[in-house]
Amino acid sequence: MLRTTGATAGYLSLGASFPRGLINDKDREMIILRVGALSRSQYERMQHLPLAQQAGWDDNAIAAIEEGHGPDARSRSILRFVDECVKNVKVSSPTFAEARAFFNDTQIAELTLLIGHYMMTARFLETLEVPLDEAATSWKSM
């Protein structure tokens, strides 16, 4: 990313905005893990696995999330939204309506932007074959 002529600051600013949004940590990490799994991005998984665990997901739940299975109707609805957005670009009307039962307009917008951001990230990492770091980033120090 640092090799681009001006995208780094905007990219980092957008990524840093998500924890300040209305999607809680547990949902956000579930969404990122699912996008990473659908995108086959080991880098995203490696970076977000500790964050998902800190947010309250255990190893069994994480494995289920990566397969597209949530522990409850709410999580399954969100994961269905992620799957359709990644695979089909636009989610179906029934899936959109279902997600609105759990998220307000702002959260739906943030959900969609979060998915897109991590899709872009995965494509960047995978296309440029960015090697895995030795350990996940300590986001608290940033």
N, C-alpha and C. Protein backbone atom coordinates (compact mmCIF):
# COMPACT_ATOMS: atom_id res chain seq x y z
N MET A 1 0.84 -1.19 0.00
CA MET A 1 0.00 0.00 0.00
C MET A 1 0.88 1.25 0.00
N LEU A 2 1.99 1.18 0.71
CA LEU A 2 2.88 2.34 0.77
C LEU A 2 3.50 2.67 -0.57
N ARG A 3 3.44 1.76 -1.52
CA ARG A 3 4.00 2.00 -2.85
C ARG A 3 3.05 2.80 -3.74
N THR A 4 1.82 3.00 -3.30
CA THR A 4 0.89 3.81 -4.09
C THR A 4 1.26 5.28 -3.93
N THR A 5 0.75 6.11 -4.81
CA THR A 5 1.14 7.52 -4.80
C THR A 5 0.31 8.38 -3.85
N GLY A 6 -0.77 7.86 -3.32
CA GLY A 6 -1.55 8.70 -2.41
C GLY A 6 -2.71 8.00 -1.75
N ALA A 7 -2.81 6.70 -1.87
CA ALA A 7 -3.97 5.99 -1.35
C ALA A 7 -3.83 5.56 0.11
N THR A 8 -2.63 5.50 0.62
CA THR A 8 -2.40 4.91 1.95
C THR A 8 -3.17 5.64 3.05
N ALA A 9 -3.09 6.95 3.10
CA ALA A 9 -3.74 7.69 4.19
C ALA A 9 -5.26 7.48 4.16
N GLY A 10 -5.86 7.57 2.99
CA GLY A 10 -7.30 7.37 2.88
C GLY A 10 -7.71 5.96 3.24
N TYR A 11 -6.95 4.98 2.78
CA TYR A 11 -7.22 3.58 3.10
C TYR A 11 -7.16 3.36 4.61
N LEU A 12 -6.10 3.83 5.24
CA LEU A 12 -5.94 3.65 6.69
C LEU A 12 -7.02 4.40 7.46
N SER A 13 -7.38 5.57 6.99
CA SER A 13 -8.43 6.35 7.65
C SER A 13 -9.77 5.63 7.60
N LEU A 14 -10.10 5.06 6.44
CA LEU A 14 -11.35 4.32 6.33
C LEU A 14 -11.32 3.11 7.25
N GLY A 15 -10.25 2.34 7.24
CA GLY A 15 -10.15 1.18 8.11
C GLY A 15 -10.26 1.54 9.58
N ALA A 16 -9.66 2.65 9.96
CA ALA A 16 -9.70 3.08 11.37
C ALA A 16 -11.07 3.61 11.77
N SER A 17 -11.92 3.93 10.80
CA SER A 17 -13.24 4.46 11.12
C SER A 17 -14.21 3.39 11.61
N PHE A 18 -14.00 2.14 11.23
CA PHE A 18 -14.97 1.10 11.56
C PHE A 18 -15.15 0.85 13.06
N PRO A 19 -14.08 0.83 13.86
CA PRO A 19 -14.31 0.64 15.30
C PRO A 19 -15.09 1.79 15.96
N ARG A 20 -15.13 2.93 15.31
CA ARG A 20 -15.88 4.07 15.84
C ARG A 20 -17.33 4.08 15.36
N GLY A 21 -17.67 3.13 14.50
CA GLY A 21 -19.01 3.07 13.93
C GLY A 21 -20.00 2.40 14.86
N LEU A 22 -21.16 2.08 14.32
CA LEU A 22 -22.25 1.51 15.11
C LEU A 22 -22.32 -0.01 15.09
N ILE A 23 -21.42 -0.65 14.37
CA ILE A 23 -21.38 -2.11 14.38
C ILE A 23 -20.45 -2.53 15.52
N ASN A 24 -20.97 -3.36 16.41
CA ASN A 24 -20.17 -3.74 17.58
C ASN A 24 -18.99 -4.62 17.18
N ASP A 25 -18.03 -4.72 18.10
CA ASP A 25 -16.78 -5.44 17.82
C ASP A 25 -17.04 -6.89 17.40
N LYS A 26 -17.94 -7.56 18.09
CA LYS A 26 -18.18 -8.98 17.80
C LYS A 26 -18.74 -9.16 16.39
N ASP A 27 -19.72 -8.35 16.03
CA ASP A 27 -20.28 -8.41 14.67
C ASP A 27 -19.23 -8.03 13.63
N ARG A 28 -18.47 -6.97 13.91
CA ARG A 28 -17.48 -6.50 12.94
C ARG A 28 -16.45 -7.60 12.64
N GLU A 29 -15.96 -8.26 13.68
CA GLU A 29 -14.97 -9.31 13.46
C GLU A 29 -15.57 -10.53 12.77
N MET A 30 -16.83 -10.84 13.06
CA MET A 30 -17.52 -11.92 12.35
C MET A 30 -17.58 -11.60 10.86
N ILE A 31 -17.94 -10.38 10.54
CA ILE A 31 -18.06 -9.94 9.15
C ILE A 31 -16.71 -10.02 8.45
N ILE A 32 -15.67 -9.52 9.09
CA ILE A 32 -14.33 -9.51 8.49
C ILE A 32 -13.83 -10.94 8.28
N LEU A 33 -14.04 -11.80 9.27
CA LEU A 33 -13.60 -13.20 9.11
C LEU A 33 -14.31 -13.87 7.94
N ARG A 34 -15.61 -13.59 7.79
CA ARG A 34 -16.35 -14.22 6.69
C ARG A 34 -15.88 -13.68 5.34
N VAL A 35 -15.66 -12.37 5.23
CA VAL A 35 -15.13 -11.80 3.99
C VAL A 35 -13.77 -12.42 3.70
N GLY A 36 -12.94 -12.53 4.71
CA GLY A 36 -11.62 -13.14 4.53
C GLY A 36 -11.72 -14.57 4.05
N ALA A 37 -12.64 -15.34 4.62
CA ALA A 37 -12.82 -16.74 4.21
C ALA A 37 -13.31 -16.82 2.77
N LEU A 38 -14.30 -16.01 2.43
CA LEU A 38 -14.82 -16.01 1.06
C LEU A 38 -13.75 -15.57 0.05
N SER A 39 -12.86 -14.71 0.49
CA SER A 39 -11.80 -14.17 -0.37
C SER A 39 -10.53 -15.02 -0.32
N ARG A 40 -10.54 -16.06 0.50
CA ARG A 40 -9.38 -16.93 0.68
C ARG A 40 -8.14 -16.13 1.06
N SER A 41 -8.32 -15.22 2.01
CA SER A 41 -7.23 -14.34 2.44
C SER A 41 -6.71 -14.78 3.81
N GLN A 42 -5.61 -15.51 3.77
CA GLN A 42 -4.98 -15.95 5.02
C GLN A 42 -4.45 -14.76 5.82
N TYR A 43 -4.05 -13.71 5.13
CA TYR A 43 -3.53 -12.53 5.82
C TYR A 43 -4.63 -11.88 6.66
N GLU A 44 -5.82 -11.71 6.08
CA GLU A 44 -6.93 -11.13 6.86
C GLU A 44 -7.26 -12.02 8.05
N ARG A 45 -7.29 -13.32 7.82
CA ARG A 45 -7.60 -14.24 8.91
C ARG A 45 -6.56 -14.12 10.03
N MET A 46 -5.29 -14.14 9.65
CA MET A 46 -4.22 -14.06 10.64
C MET A 46 -4.30 -12.77 11.46
N GLN A 47 -4.61 -11.68 10.81
CA GLN A 47 -4.70 -10.40 11.51
C GLN A 47 -5.94 -10.29 12.39
N HIS A 48 -7.05 -10.89 11.96
CA HIS A 48 -8.31 -10.67 12.67
C HIS A 48 -8.71 -11.80 13.61
N LEU A 49 -8.04 -12.92 13.55
CA LEU A 49 -8.34 -14.01 14.48
C LEU A 49 -8.20 -13.59 15.94
N PRO A 50 -7.10 -12.94 16.33
CA PRO A 50 -6.99 -12.49 17.73
C PRO A 50 -8.07 -11.46 18.10
N LEU A 51 -8.42 -10.59 17.15
CA LEU A 51 -9.45 -9.59 17.42
C LEU A 51 -10.82 -10.26 17.59
N ALA A 52 -11.09 -11.28 16.80
CA ALA A 52 -12.35 -12.02 16.91
C ALA A 52 -12.41 -12.72 18.27
N GLN A 53 -11.30 -13.28 18.70
CA GLN A 53 -11.26 -13.94 20.01
C GLN A 53 -11.45 -12.92 21.13
N GLN A 54 -10.82 -11.78 21.01
CA GLN A 54 -10.99 -10.71 22.02
C GLN A 54 -12.43 -10.23 22.07
N ALA A 55 -13.11 -10.26 20.92
CA ALA A 55 -14.49 -9.80 20.84
C ALA A 55 -15.47 -10.84 21.41
N GLY A 56 -14.99 -12.06 21.65
CA GLY A 56 -15.83 -13.06 22.28
C GLY A 56 -16.12 -14.30 21.48
N TRP A 57 -15.52 -14.45 20.30
CA TRP A 57 -15.73 -15.66 19.50
C TRP A 57 -14.73 -16.72 19.91
N ASP A 58 -15.20 -17.95 20.15
CA ASP A 58 -14.28 -19.05 20.44
C ASP A 58 -13.91 -19.77 19.15
N ASP A 59 -13.00 -20.72 19.25
CA ASP A 59 -12.48 -21.40 18.05
C ASP A 59 -13.57 -22.11 17.26
N ASN A 60 -14.51 -22.75 17.95
CA ASN A 60 -15.60 -23.46 17.25
C ASN A 60 -16.49 -22.48 16.50
N ALA A 61 -16.82 -21.36 17.14
CA ALA A 61 -17.66 -20.35 16.49
C ALA A 61 -16.94 -19.73 15.30
N ILE A 62 -15.65 -19.50 15.43
CA ILE A 62 -14.87 -18.92 14.33
C ILE A 62 -14.86 -19.87 13.14
N ALA A 63 -14.66 -21.16 13.39
CA ALA A 63 -14.69 -22.14 12.30
C ALA A 63 -16.06 -22.14 11.62
N ALA A 64 -17.12 -22.05 12.40
CA ALA A 64 -18.47 -22.02 11.83
C ALA A 64 -18.69 -20.75 11.00
N ILE A 65 -18.24 -19.62 11.53
CA ILE A 65 -18.37 -18.34 10.81
C ILE A 65 -17.66 -18.42 9.47
N GLU A 66 -16.46 -18.97 9.47
CA GLU A 66 -15.70 -19.06 8.23
C GLU A 66 -16.38 -19.97 7.21
N GLU A 67 -17.23 -20.86 7.68
CA GLU A 67 -18.02 -21.72 6.80
C GLU A 67 -19.37 -21.10 6.45
N GLY A 68 -19.68 -19.96 7.07
CA GLY A 68 -20.93 -19.26 6.79
C GLY A 68 -22.07 -19.60 7.73
N HIS A 69 -21.75 -20.18 8.89
CA HIS A 69 -22.77 -20.59 9.85
C HIS A 69 -22.66 -19.75 11.11
N GLY A 70 -23.75 -19.13 11.50
CA GLY A 70 -23.79 -18.36 12.73
C GLY A 70 -24.52 -19.10 13.83
N PRO A 71 -24.29 -18.71 15.08
CA PRO A 71 -24.91 -19.41 16.21
C PRO A 71 -26.38 -19.09 16.43
N ASP A 72 -26.87 -18.03 15.80
CA ASP A 72 -28.26 -17.63 16.02
C ASP A 72 -28.81 -16.97 14.76
N ALA A 73 -30.09 -16.70 14.76
CA ALA A 73 -30.76 -16.13 13.58
C ALA A 73 -30.14 -14.79 13.17
N ARG A 74 -29.79 -13.98 14.15
CA ARG A 74 -29.21 -12.67 13.86
C ARG A 74 -27.88 -12.83 13.11
N SER A 75 -26.99 -13.64 13.65
CA SER A 75 -25.69 -13.87 13.01
C SER A 75 -25.85 -14.49 11.63
N ARG A 76 -26.76 -15.44 11.50
CA ARG A 76 -26.99 -16.07 10.20
C ARG A 76 -27.49 -15.05 9.19
N SER A 77 -28.32 -14.12 9.63
CA SER A 77 -28.81 -13.07 8.74
C SER A 77 -27.67 -12.18 8.26
N ILE A 78 -26.82 -11.79 9.18
CA ILE A 78 -25.68 -10.94 8.83
C ILE A 78 -24.74 -11.67 7.89
N LEU A 79 -24.47 -12.94 8.17
CA LEU A 79 -23.58 -13.72 7.32
C LEU A 79 -24.18 -13.92 5.92
N ARG A 80 -25.48 -14.09 5.84
CA ARG A 80 -26.14 -14.21 4.54
C ARG A 80 -25.95 -12.91 3.75
N PHE A 81 -26.08 -11.76 4.44
CA PHE A 81 -25.86 -10.46 3.81
C PHE A 81 -24.43 -10.39 3.27
N VAL A 82 -23.45 -10.79 4.09
CA VAL A 82 -22.05 -10.78 3.67
C VAL A 82 -21.86 -11.67 2.44
N ASP A 83 -22.37 -12.89 2.53
CA ASP A 83 -22.20 -13.83 1.41
C ASP A 83 -22.75 -13.28 0.11
N GLU A 84 -23.96 -12.77 0.16
CA GLU A 84 -24.58 -12.25 -1.06
C GLU A 84 -23.85 -11.02 -1.59
N CYS A 85 -23.42 -10.15 -0.69
CA CYS A 85 -22.71 -8.95 -1.11
C CYS A 85 -21.39 -9.31 -1.79
N VAL A 86 -20.66 -10.26 -1.20
CA VAL A 86 -19.38 -10.67 -1.78
C VAL A 86 -19.59 -11.41 -3.10
N LYS A 87 -20.52 -12.34 -3.11
CA LYS A 87 -20.69 -13.20 -4.28
C LYS A 87 -21.51 -12.57 -5.40
N ASN A 88 -22.50 -11.75 -5.04
CA ASN A 88 -23.44 -11.23 -6.04
C ASN A 88 -23.40 -9.72 -6.22
N VAL A 89 -22.57 -9.04 -5.48
CA VAL A 89 -22.45 -7.58 -5.45
C VAL A 89 -23.65 -6.95 -4.73
N LYS A 90 -24.85 -7.22 -5.17
CA LYS A 90 -26.05 -6.67 -4.54
C LYS A 90 -26.77 -7.78 -3.80
N VAL A 91 -27.13 -7.51 -2.54
CA VAL A 91 -27.87 -8.52 -1.79
C VAL A 91 -29.32 -8.55 -2.27
N SER A 92 -29.95 -9.68 -2.10
CA SER A 92 -31.35 -9.83 -2.52
C SER A 92 -32.26 -9.02 -1.60
N SER A 93 -33.43 -8.70 -2.09
CA SER A 93 -34.40 -7.95 -1.28
C SER A 93 -34.77 -8.68 0.00
N PRO A 94 -35.01 -10.00 -0.02
CA PRO A 94 -35.32 -10.69 1.24
C PRO A 94 -34.17 -10.63 2.25
N THR A 95 -32.95 -10.76 1.79
CA THR A 95 -31.79 -10.70 2.69
C THR A 95 -31.63 -9.29 3.25
N PHE A 96 -31.82 -8.29 2.41
CA PHE A 96 -31.74 -6.90 2.87
C PHE A 96 -32.80 -6.65 3.94
N ALA A 97 -34.03 -7.07 3.69
CA ALA A 97 -35.12 -6.88 4.66
C ALA A 97 -34.83 -7.61 5.96
N GLU A 98 -34.28 -8.79 5.85
CA GLU A 98 -33.95 -9.57 7.04
C GLU A 98 -32.88 -8.86 7.88
N ALA A 99 -31.86 -8.32 7.23
CA ALA A 99 -30.79 -7.61 7.95
C ALA A 99 -31.33 -6.35 8.62
N ARG A 100 -32.32 -5.71 8.00
CA ARG A 100 -32.91 -4.50 8.59
C ARG A 100 -33.65 -4.79 9.90
N ALA A 101 -33.99 -6.04 10.12
CA ALA A 101 -34.61 -6.40 11.39
C ALA A 101 -33.61 -6.31 12.54
N PHE A 102 -32.32 -6.35 12.20
CA PHE A 102 -31.27 -6.34 13.22
C PHE A 102 -30.41 -5.08 13.19
N PHE A 103 -30.33 -4.40 12.05
CA PHE A 103 -29.49 -3.23 11.88
C PHE A 103 -30.32 -2.05 11.39
N ASN A 104 -29.99 -0.84 11.89
CA ASN A 104 -30.65 0.36 11.39
C ASN A 104 -29.98 0.82 10.09
N ASP A 105 -30.47 1.92 9.51
CA ASP A 105 -29.95 2.39 8.22
C ASP A 105 -28.45 2.68 8.27
N THR A 106 -27.98 3.30 9.34
CA THR A 106 -26.56 3.62 9.47
C THR A 106 -25.74 2.34 9.54
N GLN A 107 -26.19 1.38 10.30
CA GLN A 107 -25.47 0.11 10.41
C GLN A 107 -25.45 -0.65 9.10
N ILE A 108 -26.54 -0.61 8.35
CA ILE A 108 -26.57 -1.27 7.04
C ILE A 108 -25.55 -0.63 6.11
N ALA A 109 -25.47 0.70 6.14
CA ALA A 109 -24.48 1.40 5.31
C ALA A 109 -23.06 1.03 5.75
N GLU A 110 -22.82 1.01 7.07
CA GLU A 110 -21.50 0.65 7.58
C GLU A 110 -21.17 -0.81 7.27
N LEU A 111 -22.16 -1.69 7.37
CA LEU A 111 -21.97 -3.10 7.04
C LEU A 111 -21.51 -3.25 5.59
N THR A 112 -22.18 -2.58 4.70
CA THR A 112 -21.87 -2.67 3.28
C THR A 112 -20.48 -2.10 2.99
N LEU A 113 -20.14 -0.98 3.60
CA LEU A 113 -18.82 -0.38 3.41
C LEU A 113 -17.73 -1.26 4.02
N LEU A 114 -17.99 -1.84 5.18
CA LEU A 114 -17.03 -2.74 5.82
C LEU A 114 -16.73 -3.95 4.92
N ILE A 115 -17.78 -4.54 4.37
CA ILE A 115 -17.60 -5.67 3.46
C ILE A 115 -16.73 -5.24 2.27
N GLY A 116 -17.05 -4.12 1.66
CA GLY A 116 -16.30 -3.65 0.51
C GLY A 116 -14.85 -3.35 0.84
N HIS A 117 -14.62 -2.76 2.00
CA HIS A 117 -13.25 -2.43 2.40
C HIS A 117 -12.41 -3.70 2.53
N TYR A 118 -12.98 -4.72 3.17
CA TYR A 118 -12.21 -5.95 3.37
C TYR A 118 -12.13 -6.79 2.11
N MET A 119 -13.08 -6.66 1.21
CA MET A 119 -12.94 -7.30 -0.11
C MET A 119 -11.77 -6.66 -0.85
N MET A 120 -11.70 -5.33 -0.83
CA MET A 120 -10.61 -4.62 -1.49
C MET A 120 -9.27 -5.01 -0.85
N THR A 121 -9.25 -5.08 0.47
CA THR A 121 -8.02 -5.43 1.17
C THR A 121 -7.55 -6.82 0.77
N ALA A 122 -8.48 -7.78 0.75
CA ALA A 122 -8.12 -9.15 0.38
C ALA A 122 -7.58 -9.21 -1.04
N ARG A 123 -8.20 -8.50 -1.94
CA ARG A 123 -7.75 -8.53 -3.32
C ARG A 123 -6.37 -7.91 -3.48
N PHE A 124 -6.12 -6.86 -2.73
CA PHE A 124 -4.80 -6.23 -2.74
C PHE A 124 -3.75 -7.20 -2.19
N LEU A 125 -4.03 -7.78 -1.03
CA LEU A 125 -3.08 -8.69 -0.39
C LEU A 125 -2.80 -9.93 -1.23
N GLU A 126 -3.86 -10.51 -1.77
CA GLU A 126 -3.71 -11.76 -2.53
C GLU A 126 -3.07 -11.52 -3.90
N THR A 127 -3.49 -10.48 -4.59
CA THR A 127 -2.94 -10.21 -5.91
C THR A 127 -1.45 -9.88 -5.84
N LEU A 128 -1.07 -9.09 -4.83
CA LEU A 128 0.34 -8.70 -4.70
C LEU A 128 1.15 -9.69 -3.87
N GLU A 129 0.48 -10.78 -3.45
CA GLU A 129 1.14 -11.84 -2.68
C GLU A 129 1.91 -11.29 -1.49
N VAL A 130 1.23 -10.46 -0.71
CA VAL A 130 1.84 -9.90 0.49
C VAL A 130 2.05 -11.04 1.48
N PRO A 131 3.28 -11.25 1.95
CA PRO A 131 3.54 -12.37 2.86
C PRO A 131 2.91 -12.12 4.24
N LEU A 132 2.58 -13.23 4.90
CA LEU A 132 2.04 -13.13 6.25
C LEU A 132 3.08 -12.52 7.18
N ASP A 133 2.63 -11.74 8.13
CA ASP A 133 3.51 -11.22 9.16
C ASP A 133 3.84 -12.35 10.13
N GLU A 134 4.87 -12.16 10.93
CA GLU A 134 5.23 -13.17 11.92
C GLU A 134 4.15 -13.30 12.98
N ALA A 135 3.47 -12.21 13.27
CA ALA A 135 2.40 -12.21 14.27
C ALA A 135 1.39 -11.13 13.89
N ALA A 136 0.20 -11.26 14.44
CA ALA A 136 -0.83 -10.25 14.20
C ALA A 136 -0.39 -8.91 14.75
N THR A 137 -0.83 -7.84 14.11
CA THR A 137 -0.54 -6.49 14.55
C THR A 137 -1.20 -6.23 15.89
N SER A 138 -0.52 -5.53 16.76
CA SER A 138 -1.12 -5.10 18.02
C SER A 138 -1.81 -3.76 17.77
N TRP A 139 -3.11 -3.82 17.51
CA TRP A 139 -3.85 -2.62 17.14
C TRP A 139 -3.96 -1.63 18.28
N LYS A 140 -3.79 -2.08 19.50
CA LYS A 140 -3.88 -1.17 20.65
C LYS A 140 -2.74 -0.17 20.67
N SER A 141 -1.62 -0.51 20.04
CA SER A 141 -0.45 0.38 20.05
C SER A 141 -0.53 1.42 18.94
N MET A 142 -1.56 1.35 18.12
CA MET A 142 -1.65 2.28 16.99
C MET A 142 -2.55 3.44 17.31
